[in-house]
Amino acid sequence: MANIKSQIKRNKQNEKARLRNKAVRSNLKTRIKSAEAAAAAGGEESVATLRSAIATIDRAAGRGIIHKNAAARKKSRLVKRLAQVSAEA
């Protein structure tokens, strides 16, 4: 443990941020999985879940939780999967 007051405070701040980021990443993974499942099932619901997942990805990228290029890659792959399933149907 650090002896310097500023470092003790910084450690507390980092831990809070880590837990907050962990929650956002977990939610992000859940939204992506639900969007993929909805795309595989097809139907009107898939577009709504895709929009929800994309909004969550954008929010995480805007806050710096994931990199903007990682966000673009995830969105691209989600849209690609939905298009592929809708083309098959």
PDB file of N, CA and C in Angstrom:
ATOM      1  N   MET A   1       0.839  -1.189   0.000  1.00  0.00           N
ATOM      2  CA  MET A   1       0.000   0.000   0.000  1.00  0.00           C
ATOM      3  C   MET A   1       0.880   1.247   0.000  1.00  0.00           C
ATOM      4  N   ALA A   2       0.427   2.253  -0.685  1.00  0.00           N
ATOM      5  CA  ALA A   2       1.191   3.497  -0.805  1.00  0.00           C
ATOM      6  C   ALA A   2       1.155   4.291   0.498  1.00  0.00           C
ATOM      7  N   ASN A   3       2.201   5.041   0.735  1.00  0.00           N
ATOM      8  CA  ASN A   3       2.279   5.907   1.909  1.00  0.00           C
ATOM      9  C   ASN A   3       1.891   7.340   1.586  1.00  0.00           C
ATOM     10  N   ILE A   4       1.912   7.693   0.326  1.00  0.00           N
ATOM     11  CA  ILE A   4       1.644   9.057  -0.103  1.00  0.00           C
ATOM     12  C   ILE A   4       0.136   9.259  -0.228  1.00  0.00           C
ATOM     13  N   LYS A   5      -0.362  10.355   0.346  1.00  0.00           N
ATOM     14  CA  LYS A   5      -1.808  10.605   0.374  1.00  0.00           C
ATOM     15  C   LYS A   5      -2.418  10.652  -1.022  1.00  0.00           C
ATOM     16  N   SER A   6      -1.739  11.332  -1.926  1.00  0.00           N
ATOM     17  CA  SER A   6      -2.280  11.467  -3.278  1.00  0.00           C
ATOM     18  C   SER A   6      -2.367  10.111  -3.976  1.00  0.00           C
ATOM     19  N   GLN A   7      -1.418   9.225  -3.695  1.00  0.00           N
ATOM     20  CA  GLN A   7      -1.442   7.901  -4.317  1.00  0.00           C
ATOM     21  C   GLN A   7      -2.539   7.027  -3.705  1.00  0.00           C
ATOM     22  N   ILE A   8      -2.784   7.199  -2.410  1.00  0.00           N
ATOM     23  CA  ILE A   8      -3.872   6.466  -1.759  1.00  0.00           C
ATOM     24  C   ILE A   8      -5.200   6.867  -2.393  1.00  0.00           C
ATOM     25  N   LYS A   9      -5.383   8.168  -2.585  1.00  0.00           N
ATOM     26  CA  LYS A   9      -6.605   8.672  -3.223  1.00  0.00           C
ATOM     27  C   LYS A   9      -6.718   8.158  -4.647  1.00  0.00           C
ATOM     28  N   ARG A  10      -5.604   8.194  -5.388  1.00  0.00           N
ATOM     29  CA  ARG A  10      -5.602   7.736  -6.770  1.00  0.00           C
ATOM     30  C   ARG A  10      -5.972   6.255  -6.846  1.00  0.00           C
ATOM     31  N   ASN A  11      -5.487   5.442  -5.904  1.00  0.00           N
ATOM     32  CA  ASN A  11      -5.827   4.014  -5.871  1.00  0.00           C
ATOM     33  C   ASN A  11      -7.322   3.807  -5.666  1.00  0.00           C
ATOM     34  N   LYS A  12      -7.913   4.617  -4.771  1.00  0.00           N
ATOM     35  CA  LYS A  12      -9.371   4.526  -4.537  1.00  0.00           C
ATOM     36  C   LYS A  12     -10.137   4.905  -5.804  1.00  0.00           C
ATOM     37  N   GLN A  13      -9.698   5.969  -6.466  1.00  0.00           N
ATOM     38  CA  GLN A  13     -10.362   6.412  -7.689  1.00  0.00           C
ATOM     39  C   GLN A  13     -10.263   5.352  -8.789  1.00  0.00           C
ATOM     40  N   ASN A  14      -9.068   4.754  -8.902  1.00  0.00           N
ATOM     41  CA  ASN A  14      -8.863   3.724  -9.921  1.00  0.00           C
ATOM     42  C   ASN A  14      -9.748   2.512  -9.678  1.00  0.00           C
ATOM     43  N   GLU A  15      -9.913   2.147  -8.420  1.00  0.00           N
ATOM     44  CA  GLU A  15     -10.752   0.992  -8.091  1.00  0.00           C
ATOM     45  C   GLU A  15     -12.219   1.265  -8.427  1.00  0.00           C
ATOM     46  N   LYS A  16     -12.688   2.467  -8.119  1.00  0.00           N
ATOM     47  CA  LYS A  16     -14.065   2.842  -8.462  1.00  0.00           C
ATOM     48  C   LYS A  16     -14.271   2.802  -9.976  1.00  0.00           C
ATOM     49  N   ALA A  17     -13.318   3.364 -10.702  1.00  0.00           N
ATOM     50  CA  ALA A  17     -13.413   3.389 -12.167  1.00  0.00           C
ATOM     51  C   ALA A  17     -13.365   1.975 -12.734  1.00  0.00           C
ATOM     52  N   ARG A  18     -12.527   1.125 -12.148  1.00  0.00           N
ATOM     53  CA  ARG A  18     -12.406  -0.251 -12.625  1.00  0.00           C
ATOM     54  C   ARG A  18     -13.734  -0.991 -12.487  1.00  0.00           C
ATOM     55  N   LEU A  19     -14.384  -0.824 -11.338  1.00  0.00           N
ATOM     56  CA  LEU A  19     -15.665  -1.490 -11.113  1.00  0.00           C
ATOM     57  C   LEU A  19     -16.752  -0.943 -12.037  1.00  0.00           C
ATOM     58  N   ARG A  20     -16.734   0.367 -12.251  1.00  0.00           N
ATOM     59  CA  ARG A  20     -17.715   0.987 -13.143  1.00  0.00           C
ATOM     60  C   ARG A  20     -17.516   0.500 -14.572  1.00  0.00           C
ATOM     61  N   ASN A  21     -16.256   0.463 -15.016  1.00  0.00           N
ATOM     62  CA  ASN A  21     -15.942   0.000 -16.369  1.00  0.00           C
ATOM     63  C   ASN A  21     -16.287  -1.471 -16.544  1.00  0.00           C
ATOM     64  N   LYS A  22     -16.053  -2.259 -15.498  1.00  0.00           N
ATOM     65  CA  LYS A  22     -16.361  -3.685 -15.543  1.00  0.00           C
ATOM     66  C   LYS A  22     -17.866  -3.904 -15.750  1.00  0.00           C
ATOM     67  N   ALA A  23     -18.683  -3.104 -15.061  1.00  0.00           N
ATOM     68  CA  ALA A  23     -20.135  -3.207 -15.199  1.00  0.00           C
ATOM     69  C   ALA A  23     -20.572  -2.839 -16.618  1.00  0.00           C
ATOM     70  N   VAL A  24     -19.968  -1.800 -17.167  1.00  0.00           N
ATOM     71  CA  VAL A  24     -20.326  -1.365 -18.524  1.00  0.00           C
ATOM     72  C   VAL A  24     -19.925  -2.426 -19.541  1.00  0.00           C
ATOM     73  N   ARG A  25     -18.724  -3.005 -19.377  1.00  0.00           N
ATOM     74  CA  ARG A  25     -18.271  -4.056 -20.304  1.00  0.00           C
ATOM     75  C   ARG A  25     -19.171  -5.283 -20.232  1.00  0.00           C
ATOM     76  N   SER A  26     -19.604  -5.629 -19.032  1.00  0.00           N
ATOM     77  CA  SER A  26     -20.492  -6.770 -18.847  1.00  0.00           C
ATOM     78  C   SER A  26     -21.824  -6.524 -19.558  1.00  0.00           C
ATOM     79  N   ASN A  27     -22.379  -5.333 -19.375  1.00  0.00           N
ATOM     80  CA  ASN A  27     -23.621  -4.954 -20.041  1.00  0.00           C
ATOM     81  C   ASN A  27     -23.440  -4.968 -21.557  1.00  0.00           C
ATOM     82  N   LEU A  28     -22.301  -4.517 -22.011  1.00  0.00           N
ATOM     83  CA  LEU A  28     -21.986  -4.488 -23.439  1.00  0.00           C
ATOM     84  C   LEU A  28     -22.009  -5.905 -24.021  1.00  0.00           C
ATOM     85  N   LYS A  29     -21.350  -6.827 -23.336  1.00  0.00           N
ATOM     86  CA  LYS A  29     -21.313  -8.211 -23.801  1.00  0.00           C
ATOM     87  C   LYS A  29     -22.709  -8.819 -23.840  1.00  0.00           C
ATOM     88  N   THR A  30     -23.531  -8.503 -22.826  1.00  0.00           N
ATOM     89  CA  THR A  30     -24.895  -9.013 -22.766  1.00  0.00           C
ATOM     90  C   THR A  30     -25.711  -8.504 -23.937  1.00  0.00           C
ATOM     91  N   ARG A  31     -25.607  -7.209 -24.212  1.00  0.00           N
ATOM     92  CA  ARG A  31     -26.365  -6.615 -25.333  1.00  0.00           C
ATOM     93  C   ARG A  31     -25.941  -7.217 -26.666  1.00  0.00           C
ATOM     94  N   ILE A  32     -24.647  -7.428 -26.846  1.00  0.00           N
ATOM     95  CA  ILE A  32     -24.144  -8.007 -28.092  1.00  0.00           C
ATOM     96  C   ILE A  32     -24.655  -9.428 -28.270  1.00  0.00           C
ATOM     97  N   LYS A  33     -24.607 -10.213 -27.186  1.00  0.00           N
ATOM     98  CA  LYS A  33     -25.093 -11.596 -27.260  1.00  0.00           C
ATOM     99  C   LYS A  33     -26.580 -11.646 -27.578  1.00  0.00           C
ATOM    100  N   SER A  34     -27.361 -10.754 -26.955  1.00  0.00           N
ATOM    101  CA  SER A  34     -28.800 -10.754 -27.218  1.00  0.00           C
ATOM    102  C   SER A  34     -29.090 -10.317 -28.650  1.00  0.00           C
ATOM    103  N   ALA A  35     -28.290  -9.387 -29.178  1.00  0.00           N
ATOM    104  CA  ALA A  35     -28.471  -8.950 -30.564  1.00  0.00           C
ATOM    105  C   ALA A  35     -28.130 -10.086 -31.527  1.00  0.00           C
ATOM    106  N   GLU A  36     -27.063 -10.835 -31.225  1.00  0.00           N
ATOM    107  CA  GLU A  36     -26.692 -11.970 -32.077  1.00  0.00           C
ATOM    108  C   GLU A  36     -27.761 -13.059 -32.038  1.00  0.00           C
ATOM    109  N   ALA A  37     -28.302 -13.314 -30.845  1.00  0.00           N
ATOM    110  CA  ALA A  37     -29.345 -14.329 -30.708  1.00  0.00           C
ATOM    111  C   ALA A  37     -30.608 -13.916 -31.447  1.00  0.00           C
ATOM    112  N   ALA A  38     -30.971 -12.647 -31.352  1.00  0.00           N
ATOM    113  CA  ALA A  38     -32.154 -12.142 -32.050  1.00  0.00           C
ATOM    114  C   ALA A  38     -31.958 -12.184 -33.559  1.00  0.00           C
ATOM    115  N   ALA A  39     -30.742 -11.890 -34.010  1.00  0.00           N
ATOM    116  CA  ALA A  39     -30.452 -11.948 -35.445  1.00  0.00           C
ATOM    117  C   ALA A  39     -30.560 -13.379 -35.952  1.00  0.00           C
ATOM    118  N   ALA A  40     -30.092 -14.333 -35.153  1.00  0.00           N
ATOM    119  CA  ALA A  40     -30.175 -15.737 -35.551  1.00  0.00           C
ATOM    120  C   ALA A  40     -31.629 -16.202 -35.600  1.00  0.00           C
ATOM    121  N   ALA A  41     -32.441 -15.699 -34.667  1.00  0.00           N
ATOM    122  CA  ALA A  41     -33.852 -16.081 -34.625  1.00  0.00           C
ATOM    123  C   ALA A  41     -34.650 -15.376 -35.715  1.00  0.00           C
ATOM    124  N   GLY A  42     -34.206 -14.179 -36.088  1.00  0.00           N
ATOM    125  CA  GLY A  42     -34.901 -13.408 -37.113  1.00  0.00           C
ATOM    126  C   GLY A  42     -36.060 -12.636 -36.509  1.00  0.00           C
ATOM    127  N   GLY A  43     -36.857 -12.018 -37.355  1.00  0.00           N
ATOM    128  CA  GLY A  43     -38.015 -11.269 -36.884  1.00  0.00           C
ATOM    129  C   GLY A  43     -37.733  -9.791 -36.721  1.00  0.00           C
ATOM    130  N   GLU A  44     -38.792  -9.058 -36.343  1.00  0.00           N
ATOM    131  CA  GLU A  44     -38.694  -7.603 -36.187  1.00  0.00           C
ATOM    132  C   GLU A  44     -37.888  -7.221 -34.951  1.00  0.00           C
ATOM    133  N   GLU A  45     -37.870  -8.087 -33.983  1.00  0.00           N
ATOM    134  CA  GLU A  45     -37.188  -7.801 -32.721  1.00  0.00           C
ATOM    135  C   GLU A  45     -35.678  -7.645 -32.910  1.00  0.00           C
ATOM    136  N   SER A  46     -35.137  -8.283 -33.936  1.00  0.00           N
ATOM    137  CA  SER A  46     -33.689  -8.261 -34.148  1.00  0.00           C
ATOM    138  C   SER A  46     -33.170  -6.854 -34.438  1.00  0.00           C
ATOM    139  N   VAL A  47     -33.937  -6.051 -35.144  1.00  0.00           N
ATOM    140  CA  VAL A  47     -33.508  -4.691 -35.465  1.00  0.00           C
ATOM    141  C   VAL A  47     -33.475  -3.835 -34.198  1.00  0.00           C
ATOM    142  N   ALA A  48     -34.464  -4.001 -33.331  1.00  0.00           N
ATOM    143  CA  ALA A  48     -34.518  -3.237 -32.084  1.00  0.00           C
ATOM    144  C   ALA A  48     -33.358  -3.601 -31.162  1.00  0.00           C
ATOM    145  N   THR A  49     -33.064  -4.880 -31.055  1.00  0.00           N
ATOM    146  CA  THR A  49     -31.953  -5.297 -30.192  1.00  0.00           C
ATOM    147  C   THR A  49     -30.613  -4.866 -30.786  1.00  0.00           C
ATOM    148  N   LEU A  50     -30.533  -4.846 -32.107  1.00  0.00           N
ATOM    149  CA  LEU A  50     -29.314  -4.362 -32.766  1.00  0.00           C
ATOM    150  C   LEU A  50     -29.086  -2.882 -32.463  1.00  0.00           C
ATOM    151  N   ARG A  51     -30.141  -2.088 -32.541  1.00  0.00           N
ATOM    152  CA  ARG A  51     -30.032  -0.653 -32.234  1.00  0.00           C
ATOM    153  C   ARG A  51     -29.604  -0.440 -30.789  1.00  0.00           C
ATOM    154  N   SER A  52     -30.176  -1.236 -29.903  1.00  0.00           N
ATOM    155  CA  SER A  52     -29.833  -1.138 -28.479  1.00  0.00           C
ATOM    156  C   SER A  52     -28.361  -1.476 -28.259  1.00  0.00           C
ATOM    157  N   ALA A  53     -27.887  -2.523 -28.921  1.00  0.00           N
ATOM    158  CA  ALA A  53     -26.488  -2.938 -28.793  1.00  0.00           C
ATOM    159  C   ALA A  53     -25.553  -1.866 -29.355  1.00  0.00           C
ATOM    160  N   ILE A  54     -25.910  -1.292 -30.496  1.00  0.00           N
ATOM    161  CA  ILE A  54     -25.080  -0.257 -31.108  1.00  0.00           C
ATOM    162  C   ILE A  54     -25.018   0.983 -30.222  1.00  0.00           C
ATOM    163  N   ALA A  55     -26.152   1.344 -29.616  1.00  0.00           N
ATOM    164  CA  ALA A  55     -26.176   2.502 -28.715  1.00  0.00           C
ATOM    165  C   ALA A  55     -25.274   2.257 -27.507  1.00  0.00           C
ATOM    166  N   THR A  56     -25.305   1.045 -26.978  1.00  0.00           N
ATOM    167  CA  THR A  56     -24.461   0.697 -25.834  1.00  0.00           C
ATOM    168  C   THR A  56     -22.985   0.737 -26.219  1.00  0.00           C
ATOM    169  N   ILE A  57     -22.670   0.231 -27.396  1.00  0.00           N
ATOM    170  CA  ILE A  57     -21.284   0.248 -27.889  1.00  0.00           C
ATOM    171  C   ILE A  57     -20.802   1.690 -28.043  1.00  0.00           C
ATOM    172  N   ASP A  58     -21.638   2.542 -28.627  1.00  0.00           N
ATOM    173  CA  ASP A  58     -21.270   3.949 -28.821  1.00  0.00           C
ATOM    174  C   ASP A  58     -21.038   4.649 -27.494  1.00  0.00           C
ATOM    175  N   ARG A  59     -21.897   4.365 -26.513  1.00  0.00           N
ATOM    176  CA  ARG A  59     -21.760   4.980 -25.199  1.00  0.00           C
ATOM    177  C   ARG A  59     -20.449   4.575 -24.537  1.00  0.00           C
ATOM    178  N   ALA A  60     -20.119   3.290 -24.644  1.00  0.00           N
ATOM    179  CA  ALA A  60     -18.870   2.793 -24.045  1.00  0.00           C
ATOM    180  C   ALA A  60     -17.660   3.415 -24.733  1.00  0.00           C
ATOM    181  N   ALA A  61     -17.722   3.568 -26.039  1.00  0.00           N
ATOM    182  CA  ALA A  61     -16.606   4.178 -26.773  1.00  0.00           C
ATOM    183  C   ALA A  61     -16.489   5.661 -26.439  1.00  0.00           C
ATOM    184  N   GLY A  62     -17.605   6.324 -26.284  1.00  0.00           N
ATOM    185  CA  GLY A  62     -17.604   7.743 -25.950  1.00  0.00           C
ATOM    186  C   GLY A  62     -17.004   8.013 -24.582  1.00  0.00           C
ATOM    187  N   ARG A  63     -17.192   7.096 -23.668  1.00  0.00           N
ATOM    188  CA  ARG A  63     -16.656   7.249 -22.313  1.00  0.00           C
ATOM    189  C   ARG A  63     -15.228   6.729 -22.190  1.00  0.00           C
ATOM    190  N   GLY A  64     -14.723   6.147 -23.267  1.00  0.00           N
ATOM    191  CA  GLY A  64     -13.346   5.668 -23.249  1.00  0.00           C
ATOM    192  C   GLY A  64     -13.176   4.298 -22.626  1.00  0.00           C
ATOM    193  N   ILE A  65     -14.262   3.567 -22.465  1.00  0.00           N
ATOM    194  CA  ILE A  65     -14.188   2.236 -21.855  1.00  0.00           C
ATOM    195  C   ILE A  65     -13.655   1.227 -22.857  1.00  0.00           C
ATOM    196  N   ILE A  66     -14.066   1.393 -24.119  1.00  0.00           N
ATOM    197  CA  ILE A  66     -13.459   0.620 -25.200  1.00  0.00           C
ATOM    198  C   ILE A  66     -12.954   1.608 -26.245  1.00  0.00           C
ATOM    199  N   HIS A  67     -12.008   1.184 -27.043  1.00  0.00           N
ATOM    200  CA  HIS A  67     -11.419   2.053 -28.073  1.00  0.00           C
ATOM    201  C   HIS A  67     -12.434   2.283 -29.187  1.00  0.00           C
ATOM    202  N   LYS A  68     -12.365   3.428 -29.830  1.00  0.00           N
ATOM    203  CA  LYS A  68     -13.329   3.758 -30.888  1.00  0.00           C
ATOM    204  C   LYS A  68     -13.233   2.794 -32.060  1.00  0.00           C
ATOM    205  N   ASN A  69     -12.040   2.302 -32.369  1.00  0.00           N
ATOM    206  CA  ASN A  69     -11.901   1.340 -33.465  1.00  0.00           C
ATOM    207  C   ASN A  69     -12.485  -0.014 -33.083  1.00  0.00           C
ATOM    208  N   ALA A  70     -12.348  -0.390 -31.817  1.00  0.00           N
ATOM    209  CA  ALA A  70     -12.957  -1.632 -31.337  1.00  0.00           C
ATOM    210  C   ALA A  70     -14.477  -1.528 -31.422  1.00  0.00           C
ATOM    211  N   ALA A  71     -15.005  -0.349 -31.088  1.00  0.00           N
ATOM    212  CA  ALA A  71     -16.445  -0.121 -31.174  1.00  0.00           C
ATOM    213  C   ALA A  71     -16.920  -0.229 -32.624  1.00  0.00           C
ATOM    214  N   ALA A  72     -16.178   0.372 -33.535  1.00  0.00           N
ATOM    215  CA  ALA A  72     -16.540   0.313 -34.953  1.00  0.00           C
ATOM    216  C   ALA A  72     -16.511  -1.126 -35.458  1.00  0.00           C
ATOM    217  N   ARG A  73     -15.513  -1.876 -35.024  1.00  0.00           N
ATOM    218  CA  ARG A  73     -15.392  -3.279 -35.432  1.00  0.00           C
ATOM    219  C   ARG A  73     -16.568  -4.109 -34.919  1.00  0.00           C
ATOM    220  N   LYS A  74     -16.932  -3.911 -33.660  1.00  0.00           N
ATOM    221  CA  LYS A  74     -18.044  -4.662 -33.073  1.00  0.00           C
ATOM    222  C   LYS A  74     -19.359  -4.338 -33.779  1.00  0.00           C
ATOM    223  N   LYS A  75     -19.585  -3.050 -34.051  1.00  0.00           N
ATOM    224  CA  LYS A  75     -20.814  -2.646 -34.734  1.00  0.00           C
ATOM    225  C   LYS A  75     -20.862  -3.222 -36.142  1.00  0.00           C
ATOM    226  N   SER A  76     -19.735  -3.171 -36.827  1.00  0.00           N
ATOM    227  CA  SER A  76     -19.669  -3.691 -38.191  1.00  0.00           C
ATOM    228  C   SER A  76     -20.006  -5.183 -38.236  1.00  0.00           C
ATOM    229  N   ARG A  77     -19.446  -5.922 -37.309  1.00  0.00           N
ATOM    230  CA  ARG A  77     -19.682  -7.368 -37.273  1.00  0.00           C
ATOM    231  C   ARG A  77     -21.130  -7.693 -36.929  1.00  0.00           C
ATOM    232  N   LEU A  78     -21.724  -6.903 -36.031  1.00  0.00           N
ATOM    233  CA  LEU A  78     -23.131  -7.128 -35.684  1.00  0.00           C
ATOM    234  C   LEU A  78     -24.042  -6.889 -36.882  1.00  0.00           C
ATOM    235  N   VAL A  79     -23.826  -5.773 -37.570  1.00  0.00           N
ATOM    236  CA  VAL A  79     -24.656  -5.440 -38.730  1.00  0.00           C
ATOM    237  C   VAL A  79     -24.466  -6.475 -39.829  1.00  0.00           C
ATOM    238  N   LYS A  80     -23.232  -6.924 -39.988  1.00  0.00           N
ATOM    239  CA  LYS A  80     -22.915  -7.929 -41.007  1.00  0.00           C
ATOM    240  C   LYS A  80     -23.660  -9.244 -40.731  1.00  0.00           C
ATOM    241  N   ARG A  81     -23.684  -9.647 -39.455  1.00  0.00           N
ATOM    242  CA  ARG A  81     -24.402 -10.878 -39.084  1.00  0.00           C
ATOM    243  C   ARG A  81     -25.892 -10.759 -39.342  1.00  0.00           C
ATOM    244  N   LEU A  82     -26.463  -9.604 -38.982  1.00  0.00           N
ATOM    245  CA  LEU A  82     -27.889  -9.388 -39.197  1.00  0.00           C
ATOM    246  C   LEU A  82     -28.217  -9.409 -40.686  1.00  0.00           C
ATOM    247  N   ALA A  83     -27.374  -8.787 -41.503  1.00  0.00           N
ATOM    248  CA  ALA A  83     -27.585  -8.763 -42.951  1.00  0.00           C
ATOM    249  C   ALA A  83     -27.477 -10.163 -43.537  1.00  0.00           C
ATOM    250  N   GLN A  84     -26.539 -10.938 -43.022  1.00  0.00           N
ATOM    251  CA  GLN A  84     -26.340 -12.296 -43.526  1.00  0.00           C
ATOM    252  C   GLN A  84     -27.556 -13.169 -43.220  1.00  0.00           C
ATOM    253  N   VAL A  85     -28.087 -13.045 -42.017  1.00  0.00           N
ATOM    254  CA  VAL A  85     -29.251 -13.839 -41.638  1.00  0.00           C
ATOM    255  C   VAL A  85     -30.483 -13.405 -42.406  1.00  0.00           C
ATOM    256  N   SER A  86     -30.651 -12.094 -42.601  1.00  0.00           N
ATOM    257  CA  SER A  86     -31.816 -11.613 -43.336  1.00  0.00           C
ATOM    258  C   SER A  86     -31.736 -11.965 -44.818  1.00  0.00           C
ATOM    259  N   ALA A  87     -30.530 -12.080 -45.354  1.00  0.00           N
ATOM    260  CA  ALA A  87     -30.367 -12.475 -46.753  1.00  0.00           C
ATOM    261  C   ALA A  87     -30.710 -13.952 -46.947  1.00  0.00           C
ATOM    262  N   GLU A  88     -30.392 -14.757 -45.946  1.00  0.00           N
ATOM    263  CA  GLU A  88     -30.696 -16.189 -46.027  1.00  0.00           C
ATOM    264  C   GLU A  88     -32.192 -16.448 -45.920  1.00  0.00           C
ATOM    265  N   ALA A  89     -32.891 -15.612 -45.153  1.00  0.00           N
ATOM    266  CA  ALA A  89     -34.325 -15.821 -44.932  1.00  0.00           C
ATOM    267  C   ALA A  89     -35.178 -15.366 -46.090  1.00  0.00           C
TER     268      ALA A  89
END
